[in-house]
Amino acid sequence: MSLLSFGSLIKTFFKALIVYTFGGLGGWIGIVLVLLRITGIIHWQWWVVTLPLEYGVIYCLYMTIDGALYRMGKKEAGRYARFTQPFLQQENEFLKIRKIIEEGPAHIGETIDRLSEDPNQLEFNQALVEVALVSYDLLQLAFLGIKNRNPYETIKRWREAGLKLPEEGSPDF
């Protein structure tokens, strides 16, 4: 499984370590302390001087393991796991869409209607509509999904929610 190869974990670890060292306060404090020790300005022991960098190594190692556990499905995503694997969100959305599609047009229509009420779900809802239109017509989805409402009113409501839908008279309508 290439997602969890040893090489990819090492790359993830070193990428995180570089970001920690040069992109965060802890890393810069460690660099400054090492430079002060090298120039003789401070005479602390080396283990004390490098403590911020040692912490960074341990932290990045922990977070790399955390990300690997997430990718294996052993835990929920933390912020670091989402940062290191942005494509997983798209993959999870695809799996959700596939599950909705498998349940048939009535469930698809209900889901589109429910998600159209939440503006934060517009992108996911649009992807669901586009995948559903491969197998079903828009009118079918609106008619079977919302039984107590005129399908044309349902389609109008979906458009008002921001969905880009096929026009009346087109093959997908």
N, C-alpha and C. Protein backbone atom coordinates (compact mmCIF):
# COMPACT_ATOMS: atom_id res chain seq x y z
N MET A 1 0.86 -1.18 0.00
CA MET A 1 0.00 0.00 0.00
C MET A 1 0.90 1.23 0.00
N SER A 2 0.90 2.00 -1.08
CA SER A 2 1.82 3.10 -1.24
C SER A 2 1.55 4.25 -0.28
N LEU A 3 0.30 4.40 0.20
CA LEU A 3 0.01 5.49 1.13
C LEU A 3 0.76 5.35 2.44
N LEU A 4 1.07 4.13 2.80
CA LEU A 4 1.73 3.90 4.08
C LEU A 4 3.12 3.32 3.90
N SER A 5 3.78 3.59 2.79
CA SER A 5 5.12 3.07 2.60
C SER A 5 6.08 3.77 3.57
N PHE A 6 7.13 3.07 3.88
CA PHE A 6 8.12 3.60 4.81
C PHE A 6 8.73 4.89 4.26
N GLY A 7 8.97 4.91 2.94
CA GLY A 7 9.54 6.11 2.32
C GLY A 7 8.64 7.32 2.44
N SER A 8 7.34 7.12 2.26
CA SER A 8 6.42 8.26 2.36
C SER A 8 6.32 8.77 3.80
N LEU A 9 6.40 7.84 4.76
CA LEU A 9 6.39 8.27 6.17
C LEU A 9 7.63 9.08 6.50
N ILE A 10 8.78 8.66 5.98
CA ILE A 10 10.03 9.41 6.23
C ILE A 10 9.95 10.79 5.59
N LYS A 11 9.43 10.86 4.36
CA LYS A 11 9.28 12.16 3.69
C LYS A 11 8.34 13.07 4.50
N THR A 12 7.24 12.51 4.98
CA THR A 12 6.28 13.28 5.77
C THR A 12 6.95 13.79 7.05
N PHE A 13 7.71 12.93 7.70
CA PHE A 13 8.40 13.33 8.93
C PHE A 13 9.36 14.49 8.67
N PHE A 14 10.20 14.37 7.64
CA PHE A 14 11.18 15.42 7.38
C PHE A 14 10.52 16.72 6.90
N LYS A 15 9.44 16.60 6.15
CA LYS A 15 8.71 17.80 5.75
C LYS A 15 8.17 18.52 6.98
N ALA A 16 7.58 17.76 7.90
CA ALA A 16 7.04 18.35 9.13
C ALA A 16 8.15 18.96 9.97
N LEU A 17 9.30 18.28 10.03
CA LEU A 17 10.42 18.78 10.83
C LEU A 17 10.96 20.10 10.26
N ILE A 18 11.04 20.19 8.94
CA ILE A 18 11.51 21.43 8.31
C ILE A 18 10.51 22.56 8.57
N VAL A 19 9.22 22.25 8.44
CA VAL A 19 8.20 23.28 8.71
C VAL A 19 8.27 23.71 10.16
N TYR A 20 8.43 22.76 11.08
CA TYR A 20 8.53 23.11 12.51
C TYR A 20 9.76 23.98 12.75
N THR A 21 10.90 23.57 12.20
CA THR A 21 12.16 24.26 12.48
C THR A 21 12.18 25.67 11.92
N PHE A 22 11.77 25.83 10.67
CA PHE A 22 11.89 27.14 10.03
C PHE A 22 10.60 27.93 9.97
N GLY A 23 9.48 27.32 10.35
CA GLY A 23 8.21 28.01 10.25
C GLY A 23 7.57 28.32 11.59
N GLY A 24 8.20 27.88 12.67
CA GLY A 24 7.58 28.10 13.97
C GLY A 24 8.53 28.74 14.96
N LEU A 25 7.98 29.26 16.01
CA LEU A 25 8.75 29.94 17.03
C LEU A 25 9.71 28.99 17.74
N GLY A 26 9.27 27.78 18.04
CA GLY A 26 10.13 26.81 18.74
C GLY A 26 11.38 26.49 17.97
N GLY A 27 11.24 26.31 16.66
CA GLY A 27 12.40 26.01 15.82
C GLY A 27 13.38 27.16 15.78
N TRP A 28 12.86 28.38 15.64
CA TRP A 28 13.75 29.54 15.59
C TRP A 28 14.45 29.79 16.93
N ILE A 29 13.76 29.54 18.02
CA ILE A 29 14.41 29.66 19.33
C ILE A 29 15.56 28.68 19.42
N GLY A 30 15.33 27.44 18.95
CA GLY A 30 16.40 26.43 18.94
C GLY A 30 17.58 26.84 18.09
N ILE A 31 17.31 27.38 16.91
CA ILE A 31 18.40 27.83 16.02
C ILE A 31 19.19 28.96 16.67
N VAL A 32 18.50 29.93 17.25
CA VAL A 32 19.18 31.06 17.90
C VAL A 32 20.02 30.57 19.08
N LEU A 33 19.49 29.66 19.89
CA LEU A 33 20.25 29.14 21.02
C LEU A 33 21.50 28.39 20.56
N VAL A 34 21.39 27.61 19.49
CA VAL A 34 22.57 26.90 18.97
C VAL A 34 23.60 27.90 18.47
N LEU A 35 23.17 28.94 17.75
CA LEU A 35 24.11 29.96 17.27
C LEU A 35 24.78 30.69 18.44
N LEU A 36 24.01 30.99 19.49
CA LEU A 36 24.60 31.65 20.67
C LEU A 36 25.61 30.74 21.36
N ARG A 37 25.35 29.46 21.40
CA ARG A 37 26.28 28.49 22.02
C ARG A 37 27.55 28.35 21.18
N ILE A 38 27.38 28.29 19.84
CA ILE A 38 28.53 28.15 18.95
C ILE A 38 29.44 29.37 19.04
N THR A 39 28.86 30.56 19.13
CA THR A 39 29.65 31.79 19.19
C THR A 39 30.21 32.05 20.59
N GLY A 40 29.81 31.27 21.57
CA GLY A 40 30.35 31.42 22.92
C GLY A 40 29.65 32.45 23.77
N ILE A 41 28.55 32.98 23.32
CA ILE A 41 27.81 33.98 24.09
C ILE A 41 27.16 33.34 25.31
N ILE A 42 26.64 32.13 25.14
CA ILE A 42 26.11 31.39 26.30
C ILE A 42 26.93 30.11 26.46
N HIS A 43 26.99 29.61 27.69
CA HIS A 43 27.80 28.43 27.98
C HIS A 43 26.95 27.32 28.58
N TRP A 44 25.75 27.20 28.11
CA TRP A 44 24.86 26.16 28.61
C TRP A 44 25.29 24.81 28.04
N GLN A 45 24.81 23.77 28.66
CA GLN A 45 25.10 22.44 28.12
C GLN A 45 24.35 22.26 26.81
N TRP A 46 24.88 21.40 25.93
CA TRP A 46 24.28 21.24 24.61
C TRP A 46 22.86 20.70 24.66
N TRP A 47 22.61 19.80 25.59
CA TRP A 47 21.26 19.22 25.65
C TRP A 47 20.22 20.28 26.00
N VAL A 48 20.63 21.30 26.77
CA VAL A 48 19.71 22.38 27.12
C VAL A 48 19.51 23.31 25.91
N VAL A 49 20.60 23.59 25.21
CA VAL A 49 20.55 24.48 24.06
C VAL A 49 19.67 23.90 22.96
N THR A 50 19.78 22.61 22.75
CA THR A 50 19.03 21.98 21.65
C THR A 50 17.65 21.48 22.07
N LEU A 51 17.23 21.77 23.29
CA LEU A 51 15.94 21.29 23.79
C LEU A 51 14.76 21.66 22.88
N PRO A 52 14.65 22.90 22.39
CA PRO A 52 13.52 23.19 21.49
C PRO A 52 13.55 22.35 20.21
N LEU A 53 14.74 22.07 19.69
CA LEU A 53 14.84 21.25 18.49
C LEU A 53 14.56 19.78 18.79
N GLU A 54 14.98 19.32 19.97
CA GLU A 54 14.68 17.95 20.38
C GLU A 54 13.16 17.76 20.51
N TYR A 55 12.52 18.74 21.09
CA TYR A 55 11.06 18.70 21.20
C TYR A 55 10.43 18.60 19.81
N GLY A 56 10.95 19.39 18.86
CA GLY A 56 10.42 19.37 17.50
C GLY A 56 10.54 18.00 16.86
N VAL A 57 11.64 17.31 17.08
CA VAL A 57 11.82 15.97 16.51
C VAL A 57 10.79 15.02 17.10
N ILE A 58 10.63 15.07 18.41
CA ILE A 58 9.66 14.18 19.07
C ILE A 58 8.23 14.51 18.61
N TYR A 59 7.91 15.79 18.53
CA TYR A 59 6.59 16.22 18.11
C TYR A 59 6.29 15.77 16.68
N CYS A 60 7.24 15.98 15.78
CA CYS A 60 7.02 15.60 14.38
C CYS A 60 6.93 14.08 14.22
N LEU A 61 7.70 13.35 15.00
CA LEU A 61 7.61 11.89 14.96
C LEU A 61 6.23 11.44 15.42
N TYR A 62 5.76 12.02 16.52
CA TYR A 62 4.44 11.68 17.02
C TYR A 62 3.36 12.00 15.99
N MET A 63 3.45 13.17 15.38
CA MET A 63 2.42 13.57 14.43
C MET A 63 2.48 12.75 13.14
N THR A 64 3.65 12.29 12.75
CA THR A 64 3.76 11.41 11.59
C THR A 64 3.07 10.09 11.89
N ILE A 65 3.28 9.56 13.08
CA ILE A 65 2.61 8.32 13.49
C ILE A 65 1.11 8.55 13.56
N ASP A 66 0.70 9.70 14.08
CA ASP A 66 -0.71 10.06 14.17
C ASP A 66 -1.34 10.08 12.77
N GLY A 67 -0.66 10.69 11.81
CA GLY A 67 -1.16 10.74 10.44
C GLY A 67 -1.25 9.35 9.82
N ALA A 68 -0.27 8.49 10.11
CA ALA A 68 -0.31 7.13 9.58
C ALA A 68 -1.47 6.34 10.17
N LEU A 69 -1.74 6.52 11.44
CA LEU A 69 -2.88 5.84 12.07
C LEU A 69 -4.19 6.30 11.44
N TYR A 70 -4.28 7.58 11.14
CA TYR A 70 -5.47 8.10 10.49
C TYR A 70 -5.65 7.47 9.10
N ARG A 71 -4.55 7.43 8.33
CA ARG A 71 -4.64 6.86 6.99
C ARG A 71 -5.01 5.39 7.00
N MET A 72 -4.68 4.69 8.08
CA MET A 72 -5.06 3.29 8.21
C MET A 72 -6.48 3.14 8.71
N GLY A 73 -7.11 4.25 9.12
CA GLY A 73 -8.47 4.20 9.62
C GLY A 73 -8.56 3.83 11.09
N LYS A 74 -7.46 3.96 11.81
CA LYS A 74 -7.45 3.59 13.22
C LYS A 74 -7.88 4.72 14.14
N LYS A 75 -7.98 5.96 13.61
CA LYS A 75 -8.39 7.09 14.43
C LYS A 75 -8.99 8.18 13.55
N GLU A 76 -9.67 9.13 14.17
CA GLU A 76 -10.22 10.26 13.44
C GLU A 76 -9.09 11.22 13.06
N ALA A 77 -9.36 12.06 12.10
CA ALA A 77 -8.35 12.98 11.60
C ALA A 77 -8.13 14.12 12.57
N GLY A 78 -6.86 14.36 12.87
CA GLY A 78 -6.47 15.56 13.59
C GLY A 78 -6.09 16.62 12.58
N ARG A 79 -5.75 17.80 13.03
CA ARG A 79 -5.40 18.88 12.12
C ARG A 79 -4.17 18.53 11.29
N TYR A 80 -3.18 17.91 11.91
CA TYR A 80 -1.96 17.54 11.20
C TYR A 80 -2.25 16.50 10.12
N ALA A 81 -3.07 15.52 10.44
CA ALA A 81 -3.40 14.49 9.46
C ALA A 81 -4.12 15.09 8.27
N ARG A 82 -5.01 16.02 8.51
CA ARG A 82 -5.71 16.68 7.40
C ARG A 82 -4.74 17.52 6.59
N PHE A 83 -3.76 18.14 7.24
CA PHE A 83 -2.79 18.97 6.54
C PHE A 83 -1.88 18.13 5.65
N THR A 84 -1.44 16.98 6.15
CA THR A 84 -0.51 16.16 5.38
C THR A 84 -1.18 15.32 4.33
N GLN A 85 -2.50 15.13 4.42
CA GLN A 85 -3.21 14.31 3.44
C GLN A 85 -4.47 15.02 2.95
N PRO A 86 -4.34 16.13 2.23
CA PRO A 86 -5.54 16.88 1.82
C PRO A 86 -6.44 16.10 0.87
N PHE A 87 -5.90 15.15 0.13
CA PHE A 87 -6.73 14.41 -0.81
C PHE A 87 -7.67 13.44 -0.12
N LEU A 88 -7.42 13.11 1.13
CA LEU A 88 -8.27 12.15 1.82
C LEU A 88 -9.68 12.68 2.02
N GLN A 89 -9.82 13.98 2.19
CA GLN A 89 -11.16 14.55 2.34
C GLN A 89 -11.95 14.33 1.06
N GLN A 90 -11.31 14.54 -0.09
CA GLN A 90 -11.99 14.31 -1.36
C GLN A 90 -12.34 12.83 -1.51
N GLU A 91 -11.42 11.96 -1.10
CA GLU A 91 -11.67 10.53 -1.19
C GLU A 91 -12.85 10.13 -0.30
N ASN A 92 -12.91 10.68 0.91
CA ASN A 92 -14.03 10.38 1.81
C ASN A 92 -15.34 10.89 1.24
N GLU A 93 -15.32 12.07 0.62
CA GLU A 93 -16.53 12.61 0.01
C GLU A 93 -16.98 11.72 -1.14
N PHE A 94 -16.03 11.22 -1.92
CA PHE A 94 -16.39 10.33 -3.02
C PHE A 94 -17.06 9.07 -2.49
N LEU A 95 -16.54 8.52 -1.39
CA LEU A 95 -17.14 7.32 -0.81
C LEU A 95 -18.55 7.60 -0.30
N LYS A 96 -18.75 8.78 0.31
CA LYS A 96 -20.09 9.16 0.78
C LYS A 96 -21.06 9.28 -0.39
N ILE A 97 -20.60 9.90 -1.47
CA ILE A 97 -21.44 10.07 -2.65
C ILE A 97 -21.79 8.70 -3.23
N ARG A 98 -20.83 7.83 -3.31
CA ARG A 98 -21.08 6.49 -3.85
C ARG A 98 -22.12 5.74 -3.02
N LYS A 99 -22.02 5.89 -1.70
CA LYS A 99 -22.99 5.23 -0.82
C LYS A 99 -24.39 5.79 -1.04
N ILE A 100 -24.50 7.10 -1.18
CA ILE A 100 -25.80 7.74 -1.42
C ILE A 100 -26.38 7.27 -2.75
N ILE A 101 -25.55 7.22 -3.78
CA ILE A 101 -26.00 6.81 -5.12
C ILE A 101 -26.51 5.37 -5.09
N GLU A 102 -25.82 4.50 -4.35
CA GLU A 102 -26.21 3.09 -4.28
C GLU A 102 -27.59 2.89 -3.66
N GLU A 103 -28.04 3.85 -2.85
CA GLU A 103 -29.34 3.72 -2.20
C GLU A 103 -30.51 4.11 -3.10
N GLY A 104 -30.24 4.61 -4.30
CA GLY A 104 -31.30 4.85 -5.27
C GLY A 104 -31.74 6.30 -5.37
N PRO A 105 -32.55 6.59 -6.38
CA PRO A 105 -32.93 7.98 -6.68
C PRO A 105 -33.75 8.65 -5.58
N ALA A 106 -34.58 7.91 -4.87
CA ALA A 106 -35.37 8.54 -3.81
C ALA A 106 -34.46 9.07 -2.72
N HIS A 107 -33.47 8.28 -2.34
CA HIS A 107 -32.53 8.72 -1.29
C HIS A 107 -31.65 9.86 -1.80
N ILE A 108 -31.27 9.81 -3.06
CA ILE A 108 -30.44 10.88 -3.64
C ILE A 108 -31.21 12.20 -3.60
N GLY A 109 -32.48 12.18 -4.04
CA GLY A 109 -33.29 13.39 -4.04
C GLY A 109 -33.48 13.96 -2.65
N GLU A 110 -33.75 13.08 -1.68
CA GLU A 110 -33.90 13.53 -0.29
C GLU A 110 -32.61 14.17 0.22
N THR A 111 -31.49 13.55 -0.11
CA THR A 111 -30.19 14.06 0.36
C THR A 111 -29.89 15.41 -0.28
N ILE A 112 -30.11 15.53 -1.57
CA ILE A 112 -29.87 16.81 -2.25
C ILE A 112 -30.74 17.90 -1.62
N ASP A 113 -31.99 17.58 -1.35
CA ASP A 113 -32.90 18.55 -0.75
C ASP A 113 -32.43 18.95 0.64
N ARG A 114 -32.04 17.98 1.44
CA ARG A 114 -31.57 18.27 2.80
C ARG A 114 -30.29 19.11 2.77
N LEU A 115 -29.35 18.76 1.89
CA LEU A 115 -28.09 19.49 1.82
C LEU A 115 -28.25 20.88 1.22
N SER A 116 -29.29 21.08 0.42
CA SER A 116 -29.48 22.39 -0.19
C SER A 116 -29.83 23.45 0.85
N GLU A 117 -30.24 23.02 2.03
CA GLU A 117 -30.55 23.96 3.11
C GLU A 117 -29.30 24.47 3.82
N ASP A 118 -28.16 23.79 3.60
CA ASP A 118 -26.92 24.16 4.27
C ASP A 118 -25.94 24.72 3.23
N PRO A 119 -25.67 26.03 3.24
CA PRO A 119 -24.76 26.61 2.24
C PRO A 119 -23.33 26.06 2.33
N ASN A 120 -22.95 25.54 3.49
CA ASN A 120 -21.61 24.98 3.63
C ASN A 120 -21.45 23.66 2.87
N GLN A 121 -22.55 23.04 2.50
CA GLN A 121 -22.53 21.76 1.80
C GLN A 121 -22.70 21.92 0.29
N LEU A 122 -22.63 23.15 -0.22
CA LEU A 122 -22.91 23.39 -1.63
C LEU A 122 -21.97 22.61 -2.55
N GLU A 123 -20.69 22.63 -2.25
CA GLU A 123 -19.72 21.95 -3.12
C GLU A 123 -19.96 20.43 -3.13
N PHE A 124 -20.18 19.86 -1.95
CA PHE A 124 -20.46 18.42 -1.87
C PHE A 124 -21.76 18.10 -2.59
N ASN A 125 -22.77 18.93 -2.37
CA ASN A 125 -24.08 18.72 -2.98
C ASN A 125 -23.98 18.80 -4.50
N GLN A 126 -23.21 19.75 -5.01
CA GLN A 126 -23.02 19.87 -6.46
C GLN A 126 -22.36 18.62 -7.01
N ALA A 127 -21.35 18.11 -6.32
CA ALA A 127 -20.69 16.88 -6.76
C ALA A 127 -21.68 15.71 -6.76
N LEU A 128 -22.52 15.65 -5.75
CA LEU A 128 -23.54 14.59 -5.68
C LEU A 128 -24.49 14.69 -6.87
N VAL A 129 -24.94 15.89 -7.19
CA VAL A 129 -25.85 16.08 -8.32
C VAL A 129 -25.18 15.62 -9.62
N GLU A 130 -23.94 16.03 -9.82
CA GLU A 130 -23.25 15.68 -11.06
C GLU A 130 -23.08 14.17 -11.21
N VAL A 131 -22.76 13.48 -10.14
CA VAL A 131 -22.62 12.03 -10.21
C VAL A 131 -23.98 11.37 -10.41
N ALA A 132 -25.00 11.89 -9.74
CA ALA A 132 -26.34 11.30 -9.86
C ALA A 132 -26.91 11.47 -11.27
N LEU A 133 -26.57 12.57 -11.94
CA LEU A 133 -27.10 12.81 -13.28
C LEU A 133 -26.53 11.86 -14.33
N VAL A 134 -25.51 11.11 -13.97
CA VAL A 134 -24.99 10.10 -14.89
C VAL A 134 -26.01 8.97 -15.04
N SER A 135 -26.68 8.62 -13.96
CA SER A 135 -27.63 7.50 -13.96
C SER A 135 -29.09 7.91 -13.99
N TYR A 136 -29.41 9.11 -13.51
CA TYR A 136 -30.80 9.51 -13.38
C TYR A 136 -31.01 10.88 -14.00
N ASP A 137 -32.26 11.16 -14.35
CA ASP A 137 -32.63 12.49 -14.81
C ASP A 137 -32.94 13.35 -13.59
N LEU A 138 -32.76 14.66 -13.75
CA LEU A 138 -33.02 15.59 -12.66
C LEU A 138 -34.47 15.52 -12.20
N LEU A 139 -35.38 15.41 -13.13
CA LEU A 139 -36.80 15.35 -12.80
C LEU A 139 -37.11 14.09 -11.97
N GLN A 140 -36.45 12.98 -12.30
CA GLN A 140 -36.62 11.75 -11.52
C GLN A 140 -36.19 11.97 -10.07
N LEU A 141 -35.03 12.58 -9.91
CA LEU A 141 -34.51 12.80 -8.56
C LEU A 141 -35.45 13.69 -7.75
N ALA A 142 -35.93 14.76 -8.38
CA ALA A 142 -36.82 15.69 -7.68
C ALA A 142 -38.17 15.05 -7.38
N PHE A 143 -38.68 14.25 -8.31
CA PHE A 143 -40.00 13.63 -8.13
C PHE A 143 -39.95 12.52 -7.09
N LEU A 144 -38.97 11.64 -7.19
CA LEU A 144 -38.90 10.51 -6.27
C LEU A 144 -38.37 10.89 -4.89
N GLY A 145 -37.53 11.91 -4.85
CA GLY A 145 -36.91 12.30 -3.59
C GLY A 145 -37.84 13.04 -2.66
N ILE A 146 -38.65 13.95 -3.20
CA ILE A 146 -39.55 14.75 -2.39
C ILE A 146 -40.96 14.47 -2.91
N LYS A 147 -41.65 13.57 -2.27
CA LYS A 147 -42.93 13.08 -2.78
C LYS A 147 -44.09 14.07 -2.60
N ASN A 148 -44.05 14.91 -1.61
CA ASN A 148 -45.17 15.81 -1.33
C ASN A 148 -45.00 17.20 -1.95
N ARG A 149 -44.09 17.33 -2.89
CA ARG A 149 -43.83 18.64 -3.48
C ARG A 149 -43.75 18.48 -5.00
N ASN A 150 -44.19 19.48 -5.69
CA ASN A 150 -44.08 19.51 -7.14
C ASN A 150 -42.59 19.44 -7.51
N PRO A 151 -42.20 18.53 -8.41
CA PRO A 151 -40.77 18.40 -8.74
C PRO A 151 -40.18 19.67 -9.34
N TYR A 152 -40.98 20.45 -10.06
CA TYR A 152 -40.47 21.70 -10.62
C TYR A 152 -40.18 22.72 -9.52
N GLU A 153 -40.98 22.72 -8.47
CA GLU A 153 -40.71 23.59 -7.31
C GLU A 153 -39.44 23.13 -6.60
N THR A 154 -39.28 21.83 -6.51
CA THR A 154 -38.08 21.29 -5.88
C THR A 154 -36.83 21.71 -6.65
N ILE A 155 -36.87 21.59 -7.96
CA ILE A 155 -35.73 21.97 -8.80
C ILE A 155 -35.46 23.46 -8.66
N LYS A 156 -36.52 24.27 -8.62
CA LYS A 156 -36.36 25.71 -8.44
C LYS A 156 -35.68 26.00 -7.10
N ARG A 157 -36.10 25.28 -6.07
CA ARG A 157 -35.52 25.46 -4.74
C ARG A 157 -34.03 25.08 -4.74
N TRP A 158 -33.68 24.01 -5.44
CA TRP A 158 -32.28 23.60 -5.52
C TRP A 158 -31.44 24.64 -6.25
N ARG A 159 -32.01 25.22 -7.31
CA ARG A 159 -31.29 26.27 -8.04
C ARG A 159 -31.07 27.49 -7.14
N GLU A 160 -32.11 27.86 -6.39
CA GLU A 160 -31.99 29.01 -5.49
C GLU A 160 -30.95 28.76 -4.40
N ALA A 161 -30.71 27.52 -4.07
CA ALA A 161 -29.69 27.18 -3.07
C ALA A 161 -28.29 27.27 -3.66
N GLY A 162 -28.19 27.46 -4.99
CA GLY A 162 -26.88 27.65 -5.61
C GLY A 162 -26.41 26.49 -6.47
N LEU A 163 -27.22 25.45 -6.60
CA LEU A 163 -26.81 24.31 -7.43
C LEU A 163 -26.91 24.66 -8.91
N LYS A 164 -25.94 24.20 -9.68
CA LYS A 164 -25.97 24.37 -11.13
C LYS A 164 -26.60 23.11 -11.70
N LEU A 165 -27.83 23.27 -12.22
CA LEU A 165 -28.61 22.14 -12.70
C LEU A 165 -28.86 22.27 -14.20
N PRO A 166 -29.12 21.14 -14.87
CA PRO A 166 -29.44 21.20 -16.30
C PRO A 166 -30.72 21.98 -16.54
N GLU A 167 -30.77 22.66 -17.66
CA GLU A 167 -31.95 23.43 -18.04
C GLU A 167 -33.06 22.52 -18.54
N GLU A 168 -34.29 22.98 -18.40
CA GLU A 168 -35.44 22.22 -18.88
C GLU A 168 -35.31 22.03 -20.39
N GLY A 169 -35.56 20.81 -20.83
CA GLY A 169 -35.44 20.48 -22.24
C GLY A 169 -34.11 19.82 -22.58
N SER A 170 -33.13 19.91 -21.69
CA SER A 170 -31.85 19.23 -21.95
C SER A 170 -31.99 17.74 -21.63
N PRO A 171 -31.12 16.91 -22.18
CA PRO A 171 -31.25 15.46 -21.97
C PRO A 171 -31.20 15.02 -20.50
N ASP A 172 -30.47 15.74 -19.67
CA ASP A 172 -30.36 15.35 -18.26
C ASP A 172 -31.52 15.84 -17.41
N PHE A 173 -32.36 16.71 -17.98
CA PHE A 173 -33.46 17.25 -17.20
C PHE A 173 -34.52 16.18 -17.01
